[in-house]
Amino acid sequence: MRSGPDGAQDSGRLRPPALGLLLAEARGLFEFNASLLLSPLLMRAPRGDGHPVLALPGFLASDLSMAPMRRYLSELGYEPHAWRMGRNLGGLGRMRDSLRARLTEIHAATGRKVSLVGWSLGGVYARDLALWAPDKVRYVITLGSPFANDVRATNATRLYEALSGERVEDLAEAREAIAGDLPVPATSIYSRADGVVNWRTCLLRPSDRAENIEVHLASHLGLGVNPAALWAVADRLAQPEGEFWPFDRAGPFAIAYAPPERAVSA
């Protein structure tokens, strides 16, 4: 079976990113260092209004991976929260009750709707939470999250199934809903240079309150600390509750973003 560009196959199925992209994931360290060097620019992002933000880590990651994101959002004036569930070993069905309890806890404690920022698998959880409790969720931002199209097209699928005890095909109805439109505003941030997740699995259907933002050359392991991605997260969270406008790709990291129509036409 021949493979097309960007991980597509002639059969219409998607394949995981090529080995070269996977090996290049080590550049995530440079993305983190770039954020440290560019912190003065990052602090020019729109200020937050103090609302709570729950940060959900990716597969095999823990709250430590989201610490830079939480620290950045705190400095901008948000109230970031860790998920407090240890290492993310996967299992949408297995984790649901704990995730719902954590969201409910934060919502009750703050008295405000909670924005959800999920990296990779954490973004799948975030979209599932928004479907369950749109009255508790203000905004959903996913970072390299495989929730659409052929979600098996990742280099982590077999390990996910082995550790979580859950096949990707399990909970098919829930996964179909997660891939659809959400009842709250949503943004998917992704990279065509992702070495773990086929970027096409990250695309939501654009609408008057949902959009895709492509970050050039970002890695999967670095997307949550990439300076351009951090700027986009801060910009999206700064929108007033109940309002949505398209992301403005101008600003200090303008060169890092692809035009908005690129993902739609791909």
C-alpha atoms as a PDB file:
ATOM      1  CA  MET A   1       0.000   0.000   0.000  1.00  0.00           C
ATOM      2  CA  ARG A   2       1.488   3.346  -1.038  1.00  0.00           C
ATOM      3  CA  SER A   3       1.589   6.282   1.360  1.00  0.00           C
ATOM      4  CA  GLY A   4       0.798   9.804   0.303  1.00  0.00           C
ATOM      5  CA  PRO A   5       2.103  13.105   1.658  1.00  0.00           C
ATOM      6  CA  ASP A   6       1.726  14.054   5.299  1.00  0.00           C
ATOM      7  CA  GLY A   7       0.958  10.519   6.441  1.00  0.00           C
ATOM      8  CA  ALA A   8      -2.034   9.814   4.197  1.00  0.00           C
ATOM      9  CA  GLN A   9      -2.479   6.460   2.465  1.00  0.00           C
ATOM     10  CA  ASP A  10      -4.149   5.636  -0.828  1.00  0.00           C
ATOM     11  CA  SER A  11      -6.808   3.604   0.980  1.00  0.00           C
ATOM     12  CA  GLY A  12      -7.993   6.675   2.852  1.00  0.00           C
ATOM     13  CA  ARG A  13      -6.554   5.362   6.110  1.00  0.00           C
ATOM     14  CA  LEU A  14      -3.930   7.357   7.941  1.00  0.00           C
ATOM     15  CA  ARG A  15      -0.572   6.104   9.113  1.00  0.00           C
ATOM     16  CA  PRO A  16       1.539   7.187  12.085  1.00  0.00           C
ATOM     17  CA  PRO A  17       4.243   9.809  11.513  1.00  0.00           C
ATOM     18  CA  ALA A  18       7.406   8.539   9.841  1.00  0.00           C
ATOM     19  CA  LEU A  19      10.391   7.325  11.846  1.00  0.00           C
ATOM     20  CA  GLY A  20      12.382  10.437  10.985  1.00  0.00           C
ATOM     21  CA  LEU A  21       9.785  12.683  12.612  1.00  0.00           C
ATOM     22  CA  LEU A  22       9.627  10.414  15.636  1.00  0.00           C
ATOM     23  CA  LEU A  23      13.395  10.551  16.115  1.00  0.00           C
ATOM     24  CA  ALA A  24      13.288  14.338  15.761  1.00  0.00           C
ATOM     25  CA  GLU A  25      11.040  14.618  18.827  1.00  0.00           C
ATOM     26  CA  ALA A  26      14.148  15.287  20.930  1.00  0.00           C
ATOM     27  CA  ARG A  27      13.932  18.898  19.753  1.00  0.00           C
ATOM     28  CA  GLY A  28      11.229  19.411  22.362  1.00  0.00           C
ATOM     29  CA  LEU A  29      14.026  20.387  24.769  1.00  0.00           C
ATOM     30  CA  PHE A  30      14.984  23.257  22.474  1.00  0.00           C
ATOM     31  CA  GLU A  31      11.363  24.439  22.381  1.00  0.00           C
ATOM     32  CA  PHE A  32      11.343  24.586  26.173  1.00  0.00           C
ATOM     33  CA  ASN A  33      14.601  26.526  26.205  1.00  0.00           C
ATOM     34  CA  ALA A  34      13.219  28.881  23.577  1.00  0.00           C
ATOM     35  CA  SER A  35      10.261  29.645  25.836  1.00  0.00           C
ATOM     36  CA  LEU A  36      12.608  30.513  28.663  1.00  0.00           C
ATOM     37  CA  LEU A  37      14.627  32.818  26.427  1.00  0.00           C
ATOM     38  CA  LEU A  38      11.504  34.428  24.995  1.00  0.00           C
ATOM     39  CA  SER A  39       9.680  34.817  28.314  1.00  0.00           C
ATOM     40  CA  PRO A  40       9.678  38.662  28.068  1.00  0.00           C
ATOM     41  CA  LEU A  41       7.757  38.373  24.797  1.00  0.00           C
ATOM     42  CA  LEU A  42       5.427  35.705  26.196  1.00  0.00           C
ATOM     43  CA  MET A  43       4.486  37.997  29.079  1.00  0.00           C
ATOM     44  CA  ARG A  44       3.100  40.467  26.556  1.00  0.00           C
ATOM     45  CA  ALA A  45       0.171  38.101  25.942  1.00  0.00           C
ATOM     46  CA  PRO A  46      -3.330  39.244  26.964  1.00  0.00           C
ATOM     47  CA  ARG A  47      -3.934  39.089  30.714  1.00  0.00           C
ATOM     48  CA  GLY A  48      -6.328  36.608  32.254  1.00  0.00           C
ATOM     49  CA  ASP A  49      -9.426  37.339  34.323  1.00  0.00           C
ATOM     50  CA  GLY A  50      -8.617  34.888  37.127  1.00  0.00           C
ATOM     51  CA  HIS A  51     -10.855  32.064  35.971  1.00  0.00           C
ATOM     52  CA  PRO A  52      -9.762  28.473  36.713  1.00  0.00           C
ATOM     53  CA  VAL A  53      -7.870  26.405  34.139  1.00  0.00           C
ATOM     54  CA  LEU A  54      -7.433  22.643  34.493  1.00  0.00           C
ATOM     55  CA  ALA A  55      -4.268  21.346  32.785  1.00  0.00           C
ATOM     56  CA  LEU A  56      -4.467  17.716  31.635  1.00  0.00           C
ATOM     57  CA  PRO A  57      -1.188  15.907  30.790  1.00  0.00           C
ATOM     58  CA  GLY A  58      -0.574  13.591  27.861  1.00  0.00           C
ATOM     59  CA  PHE A  59      -0.126   9.842  27.758  1.00  0.00           C
ATOM     60  CA  LEU A  60       2.637   8.650  30.124  1.00  0.00           C
ATOM     61  CA  ALA A  61       3.098  12.192  31.445  1.00  0.00           C
ATOM     62  CA  SER A  62       2.273  13.644  34.861  1.00  0.00           C
ATOM     63  CA  ASP A  63       1.501  17.060  36.323  1.00  0.00           C
ATOM     64  CA  LEU A  64       5.217  17.844  36.053  1.00  0.00           C
ATOM     65  CA  SER A  65       4.917  18.067  32.259  1.00  0.00           C
ATOM     66  CA  MET A  66       2.247  20.753  32.589  1.00  0.00           C
ATOM     67  CA  ALA A  67       4.105  22.754  35.246  1.00  0.00           C
ATOM     68  CA  PRO A  68       5.557  25.291  32.761  1.00  0.00           C
ATOM     69  CA  MET A  69       2.091  25.847  31.297  1.00  0.00           C
ATOM     70  CA  ARG A  70       0.507  26.278  34.727  1.00  0.00           C
ATOM     71  CA  ARG A  71       3.253  28.667  35.840  1.00  0.00           C
ATOM     72  CA  TYR A  72       2.868  30.762  32.704  1.00  0.00           C
ATOM     73  CA  LEU A  73      -0.908  30.965  33.068  1.00  0.00           C
ATOM     74  CA  SER A  74      -0.567  31.860  36.737  1.00  0.00           C
ATOM     75  CA  GLU A  75       1.749  34.749  35.864  1.00  0.00           C
ATOM     76  CA  LEU A  76      -0.823  35.970  33.355  1.00  0.00           C
ATOM     77  CA  GLY A  77      -3.533  36.083  35.998  1.00  0.00           C
ATOM     78  CA  TYR A  78      -5.339  32.749  35.714  1.00  0.00           C
ATOM     79  CA  GLU A  79      -5.970  30.161  38.430  1.00  0.00           C
ATOM     80  CA  PRO A  80      -4.346  27.008  37.025  1.00  0.00           C
ATOM     81  CA  HIS A  81      -5.036  23.581  38.514  1.00  0.00           C
ATOM     82  CA  ALA A  82      -3.143  20.291  38.216  1.00  0.00           C
ATOM     83  CA  TRP A  83      -5.062  17.108  37.577  1.00  0.00           C
ATOM     84  CA  ARG A  84      -3.553  15.320  40.650  1.00  0.00           C
ATOM     85  CA  MET A  85      -3.958  11.790  39.291  1.00  0.00           C
ATOM     86  CA  GLY A  86      -0.334  10.772  38.917  1.00  0.00           C
ATOM     87  CA  ARG A  87       1.023   9.488  35.631  1.00  0.00           C
ATOM     88  CA  ASN A  88      -1.451   9.325  32.753  1.00  0.00           C
ATOM     89  CA  LEU A  89      -1.517   5.669  31.752  1.00  0.00           C
ATOM     90  CA  GLY A  90      -4.560   6.067  29.549  1.00  0.00           C
ATOM     91  CA  GLY A  91      -8.039   4.628  29.483  1.00  0.00           C
ATOM     92  CA  LEU A  92     -10.861   7.011  28.608  1.00  0.00           C
ATOM     93  CA  GLY A  93     -13.482   4.816  30.240  1.00  0.00           C
ATOM     94  CA  ARG A  94     -11.328   4.063  33.276  1.00  0.00           C
ATOM     95  CA  MET A  95     -10.439   7.712  33.932  1.00  0.00           C
ATOM     96  CA  ARG A  96     -13.859   9.254  33.372  1.00  0.00           C
ATOM     97  CA  ASP A  97     -15.161   9.209  36.934  1.00  0.00           C
ATOM     98  CA  SER A  98     -11.959  10.692  38.372  1.00  0.00           C
ATOM     99  CA  LEU A  99     -11.822  13.398  35.707  1.00  0.00           C
ATOM    100  CA  ARG A 100     -15.433  14.353  36.250  1.00  0.00           C
ATOM    101  CA  ALA A 101     -14.914  14.501  40.001  1.00  0.00           C
ATOM    102  CA  ARG A 102     -11.865  16.767  39.556  1.00  0.00           C
ATOM    103  CA  LEU A 103     -13.745  19.133  37.246  1.00  0.00           C
ATOM    104  CA  THR A 104     -16.705  19.258  39.625  1.00  0.00           C
ATOM    105  CA  GLU A 105     -14.382  19.942  42.564  1.00  0.00           C
ATOM    106  CA  ILE A 106     -12.723  22.923  40.854  1.00  0.00           C
ATOM    107  CA  HIS A 107     -16.023  24.313  39.606  1.00  0.00           C
ATOM    108  CA  ALA A 108     -17.569  24.101  43.068  1.00  0.00           C
ATOM    109  CA  ALA A 109     -14.545  25.612  44.804  1.00  0.00           C
ATOM    110  CA  THR A 110     -14.227  28.587  42.455  1.00  0.00           C
ATOM    111  CA  GLY A 111     -17.844  29.141  41.517  1.00  0.00           C
ATOM    112  CA  ARG A 112     -16.744  29.693  37.915  1.00  0.00           C
ATOM    113  CA  LYS A 113     -16.638  27.726  34.701  1.00  0.00           C
ATOM    114  CA  VAL A 114     -13.344  25.934  34.109  1.00  0.00           C
ATOM    115  CA  SER A 115     -11.244  26.163  30.947  1.00  0.00           C
ATOM    116  CA  LEU A 116      -9.575  22.890  29.969  1.00  0.00           C
ATOM    117  CA  VAL A 117      -6.121  22.684  28.387  1.00  0.00           C
ATOM    118  CA  GLY A 118      -5.180  19.146  27.377  1.00  0.00           C
ATOM    119  CA  TRP A 119      -1.921  17.959  25.846  1.00  0.00           C
ATOM    120  CA  SER A 120      -2.191  14.913  23.558  1.00  0.00           C
ATOM    121  CA  LEU A 121      -4.385  12.321  25.344  1.00  0.00           C
ATOM    122  CA  GLY A 122      -5.226  15.002  27.903  1.00  0.00           C
ATOM    123  CA  GLY A 123      -7.008  16.875  25.127  1.00  0.00           C
ATOM    124  CA  VAL A 124      -9.176  13.841  24.381  1.00  0.00           C
ATOM    125  CA  TYR A 125     -10.165  13.829  28.049  1.00  0.00           C
ATOM    126  CA  ALA A 126     -10.882  17.568  27.876  1.00  0.00           C
ATOM    127  CA  ARG A 127     -13.263  17.202  24.948  1.00  0.00           C
ATOM    128  CA  ASP A 128     -15.044  14.329  26.692  1.00  0.00           C
ATOM    129  CA  LEU A 129     -15.469  16.459  29.834  1.00  0.00           C
ATOM    130  CA  ALA A 130     -16.937  19.332  27.810  1.00  0.00           C
ATOM    131  CA  LEU A 131     -19.536  17.005  26.327  1.00  0.00           C
ATOM    132  CA  TRP A 132     -20.441  15.725  29.788  1.00  0.00           C
ATOM    133  CA  ALA A 133     -20.702  19.066  31.599  1.00  0.00           C
ATOM    134  CA  PRO A 134     -20.885  22.094  29.282  1.00  0.00           C
ATOM    135  CA  ASP A 135     -22.349  24.046  32.200  1.00  0.00           C
ATOM    136  CA  LYS A 136     -19.017  23.653  34.035  1.00  0.00           C
ATOM    137  CA  VAL A 137     -16.650  24.188  31.076  1.00  0.00           C
ATOM    138  CA  ARG A 138     -15.749  27.578  29.642  1.00  0.00           C
ATOM    139  CA  TYR A 139     -13.281  26.699  26.864  1.00  0.00           C
ATOM    140  CA  VAL A 140     -11.373  23.682  25.536  1.00  0.00           C
ATOM    141  CA  ILE A 141      -7.849  23.859  24.102  1.00  0.00           C
ATOM    142  CA  THR A 142      -6.123  20.735  22.820  1.00  0.00           C
ATOM    143  CA  LEU A 143      -2.426  20.385  21.990  1.00  0.00           C
ATOM    144  CA  GLY A 144      -1.536  17.645  19.520  1.00  0.00           C
ATOM    145  CA  SER A 145      -4.566  15.599  20.563  1.00  0.00           C
ATOM    146  CA  PRO A 146      -5.677  12.669  18.338  1.00  0.00           C
ATOM    147  CA  PHE A 147      -9.459  12.874  18.596  1.00  0.00           C
ATOM    148  CA  ALA A 148     -10.560  12.911  14.932  1.00  0.00           C
ATOM    149  CA  ASN A 149     -10.339  10.809  11.771  1.00  0.00           C
ATOM    150  CA  ASP A 150      -8.321   7.585  12.152  1.00  0.00           C
ATOM    151  CA  VAL A 151      -7.195   7.897  15.767  1.00  0.00           C
ATOM    152  CA  ARG A 152      -5.040   4.762  15.457  1.00  0.00           C
ATOM    153  CA  ALA A 153      -2.589   6.821  13.376  1.00  0.00           C
ATOM    154  CA  THR A 154      -0.153   7.460  16.218  1.00  0.00           C
ATOM    155  CA  ASN A 155       3.155   5.947  17.246  1.00  0.00           C
ATOM    156  CA  ALA A 156       1.764   5.353  20.739  1.00  0.00           C
ATOM    157  CA  THR A 157      -1.349   3.298  19.928  1.00  0.00           C
ATOM    158  CA  ARG A 158       0.010  -0.143  20.807  1.00  0.00           C
ATOM    159  CA  LEU A 159       1.579   1.054  24.045  1.00  0.00           C
ATOM    160  CA  TYR A 160      -1.642   2.870  24.970  1.00  0.00           C
ATOM    161  CA  GLU A 161      -3.674  -0.288  24.474  1.00  0.00           C
ATOM    162  CA  ALA A 162      -1.184  -2.405  26.422  1.00  0.00           C
ATOM    163  CA  LEU A 163      -1.023  -0.092  29.454  1.00  0.00           C
ATOM    164  CA  SER A 164      -4.605   1.099  29.584  1.00  0.00           C
ATOM    165  CA  GLY A 165      -6.251  -2.231  28.831  1.00  0.00           C
ATOM    166  CA  GLU A 166      -8.511  -0.335  26.438  1.00  0.00           C
ATOM    167  CA  ARG A 167      -8.596  -0.801  22.684  1.00  0.00           C
ATOM    168  CA  VAL A 168      -8.901   2.300  20.548  1.00  0.00           C
ATOM    169  CA  GLU A 169     -12.117   0.870  19.128  1.00  0.00           C
ATOM    170  CA  ASP A 170     -13.667   0.640  22.602  1.00  0.00           C
ATOM    171  CA  LEU A 171     -16.233   3.288  23.509  1.00  0.00           C
ATOM    172  CA  ALA A 172     -16.779   3.933  19.791  1.00  0.00           C
ATOM    173  CA  GLU A 173     -19.891   6.032  20.403  1.00  0.00           C
ATOM    174  CA  ALA A 174     -18.041   8.267  22.859  1.00  0.00           C
ATOM    175  CA  ARG A 175     -15.110   8.684  20.499  1.00  0.00           C
ATOM    176  CA  GLU A 176     -17.438   9.686  17.674  1.00  0.00           C
ATOM    177  CA  ALA A 177     -18.958  12.359  19.905  1.00  0.00           C
ATOM    178  CA  ILE A 178     -15.508  13.587  20.996  1.00  0.00           C
ATOM    179  CA  ALA A 179     -14.551  14.025  17.332  1.00  0.00           C
ATOM    180  CA  GLY A 180     -17.661  16.110  16.646  1.00  0.00           C
ATOM    181  CA  ASP A 181     -18.696  19.633  17.514  1.00  0.00           C
ATOM    182  CA  LEU A 182     -18.481  20.644  21.167  1.00  0.00           C
ATOM    183  CA  PRO A 183     -21.119  22.661  23.046  1.00  0.00           C
ATOM    184  CA  VAL A 184     -18.390  25.109  24.160  1.00  0.00           C
ATOM    185  CA  PRO A 185     -15.744  27.109  22.263  1.00  0.00           C
ATOM    186  CA  ALA A 186     -12.732  25.023  21.250  1.00  0.00           C
ATOM    187  CA  THR A 187      -9.287  25.389  19.729  1.00  0.00           C
ATOM    188  CA  SER A 188      -7.028  22.623  18.454  1.00  0.00           C
ATOM    189  CA  ILE A 189      -3.312  23.480  18.304  1.00  0.00           C
ATOM    190  CA  TYR A 190      -1.230  21.055  16.257  1.00  0.00           C
ATOM    191  CA  SER A 191       1.895  20.638  14.119  1.00  0.00           C
ATOM    192  CA  ARG A 192       2.489  18.852  10.826  1.00  0.00           C
ATOM    193  CA  ALA A 193       5.955  18.047  12.173  1.00  0.00           C
ATOM    194  CA  ASP A 194       4.454  16.020  15.061  1.00  0.00           C
ATOM    195  CA  GLY A 195       6.427  12.779  15.345  1.00  0.00           C
ATOM    196  CA  VAL A 196       3.948  10.921  17.566  1.00  0.00           C
ATOM    197  CA  VAL A 197       0.478  11.810  16.287  1.00  0.00           C
ATOM    198  CA  ASN A 198      -0.605  12.141  12.663  1.00  0.00           C
ATOM    199  CA  TRP A 199      -1.617  15.810  12.481  1.00  0.00           C
ATOM    200  CA  ARG A 200      -4.837  15.019  10.628  1.00  0.00           C
ATOM    201  CA  THR A 201      -6.193  13.338  13.761  1.00  0.00           C
ATOM    202  CA  CYS A 202      -5.992  16.724  15.516  1.00  0.00           C
ATOM    203  CA  LEU A 203      -8.309  18.631  13.192  1.00  0.00           C
ATOM    204  CA  LEU A 204     -11.684  19.780  14.452  1.00  0.00           C
ATOM    205  CA  ARG A 205     -14.407  21.094  12.162  1.00  0.00           C
ATOM    206  CA  PRO A 206     -14.000  24.894  12.063  1.00  0.00           C
ATOM    207  CA  SER A 207     -17.102  26.873  12.974  1.00  0.00           C
ATOM    208  CA  ASP A 208     -18.095  30.204  14.465  1.00  0.00           C
ATOM    209  CA  ARG A 209     -16.658  29.017  17.807  1.00  0.00           C
ATOM    210  CA  ALA A 210     -14.089  26.387  16.901  1.00  0.00           C
ATOM    211  CA  GLU A 211     -10.754  26.641  15.097  1.00  0.00           C
ATOM    212  CA  ASN A 212      -7.486  24.908  14.281  1.00  0.00           C
ATOM    213  CA  ILE A 213      -4.119  26.596  14.826  1.00  0.00           C
ATOM    214  CA  GLU A 214      -1.080  25.052  13.136  1.00  0.00           C
ATOM    215  CA  VAL A 215       2.315  25.781  14.673  1.00  0.00           C
ATOM    216  CA  HIS A 216       5.171  25.316  12.222  1.00  0.00           C
ATOM    217  CA  LEU A 217       7.892  22.771  13.114  1.00  0.00           C
ATOM    218  CA  ALA A 218       6.649  22.114  16.662  1.00  0.00           C
ATOM    219  CA  SER A 219       7.245  18.645  18.064  1.00  0.00           C
ATOM    220  CA  HIS A 220       4.655  16.575  19.889  1.00  0.00           C
ATOM    221  CA  LEU A 221       6.768  16.403  23.051  1.00  0.00           C
ATOM    222  CA  GLY A 222       7.474  20.127  22.886  1.00  0.00           C
ATOM    223  CA  LEU A 223       4.066  21.448  21.900  1.00  0.00           C
ATOM    224  CA  GLY A 224       3.038  22.219  25.482  1.00  0.00           C
ATOM    225  CA  VAL A 225       6.160  24.325  26.046  1.00  0.00           C
ATOM    226  CA  ASN A 226       6.567  25.750  22.545  1.00  0.00           C
ATOM    227  CA  PRO A 227       6.549  29.574  22.772  1.00  0.00           C
ATOM    228  CA  ALA A 228       4.161  30.062  19.839  1.00  0.00           C
ATOM    229  CA  ALA A 229       1.784  27.449  21.256  1.00  0.00           C
ATOM    230  CA  LEU A 230       1.918  29.050  24.710  1.00  0.00           C
ATOM    231  CA  TRP A 231       1.089  32.432  23.193  1.00  0.00           C
ATOM    232  CA  ALA A 232      -1.892  30.935  21.353  1.00  0.00           C
ATOM    233  CA  VAL A 233      -3.165  29.280  24.542  1.00  0.00           C
ATOM    234  CA  ALA A 234      -2.954  32.552  26.466  1.00  0.00           C
ATOM    235  CA  ASP A 235      -4.648  34.494  23.672  1.00  0.00           C
ATOM    236  CA  ARG A 236      -7.548  32.047  23.433  1.00  0.00           C
ATOM    237  CA  LEU A 237      -8.118  31.869  27.188  1.00  0.00           C
ATOM    238  CA  ALA A 238      -8.254  35.686  27.395  1.00  0.00           C
ATOM    239  CA  GLN A 239     -11.522  35.839  25.457  1.00  0.00           C
ATOM    240  CA  PRO A 240     -14.474  36.901  27.625  1.00  0.00           C
ATOM    241  CA  GLU A 241     -16.730  34.074  28.751  1.00  0.00           C
ATOM    242  CA  GLY A 242     -19.325  33.267  26.119  1.00  0.00           C
ATOM    243  CA  GLU A 243     -17.467  35.099  23.335  1.00  0.00           C
ATOM    244  CA  PHE A 244     -15.290  33.822  20.522  1.00  0.00           C
ATOM    245  CA  TRP A 245     -13.304  35.398  17.740  1.00  0.00           C
ATOM    246  CA  PRO A 246     -10.727  33.857  15.395  1.00  0.00           C
ATOM    247  CA  PHE A 247      -7.114  33.754  16.498  1.00  0.00           C
ATOM    248  CA  ASP A 248      -5.092  36.725  15.262  1.00  0.00           C
ATOM    249  CA  ARG A 249      -1.833  35.346  13.883  1.00  0.00           C
ATOM    250  CA  ALA A 250      -0.116  38.720  14.087  1.00  0.00           C
ATOM    251  CA  GLY A 251       2.174  39.531  16.983  1.00  0.00           C
ATOM    252  CA  PRO A 252       5.624  38.424  18.144  1.00  0.00           C
ATOM    253  CA  PHE A 253       5.203  34.808  16.978  1.00  0.00           C
ATOM    254  CA  ALA A 254       3.391  35.477  13.691  1.00  0.00           C
ATOM    255  CA  ILE A 255       5.993  33.624  11.618  1.00  0.00           C
ATOM    256  CA  ALA A 256       5.325  30.417  13.567  1.00  0.00           C
ATOM    257  CA  TYR A 257       1.680  30.006  12.465  1.00  0.00           C
ATOM    258  CA  ALA A 258       0.289  28.616   9.227  1.00  0.00           C
ATOM    259  CA  PRO A 259      -2.579  30.482   7.514  1.00  0.00           C
ATOM    260  CA  PRO A 260      -5.963  29.467   8.944  1.00  0.00           C
ATOM    261  CA  GLU A 261      -7.295  28.061   5.667  1.00  0.00           C
ATOM    262  CA  ARG A 262      -4.406  25.582   5.275  1.00  0.00           C
ATOM    263  CA  ALA A 263      -5.847  22.838   7.514  1.00  0.00           C
ATOM    264  CA  VAL A 264      -9.325  23.179   6.059  1.00  0.00           C
ATOM    265  CA  SER A 265      -8.130  22.653   2.494  1.00  0.00           C
ATOM    266  CA  ALA A 266      -5.674  19.853   3.288  1.00  0.00           C
END
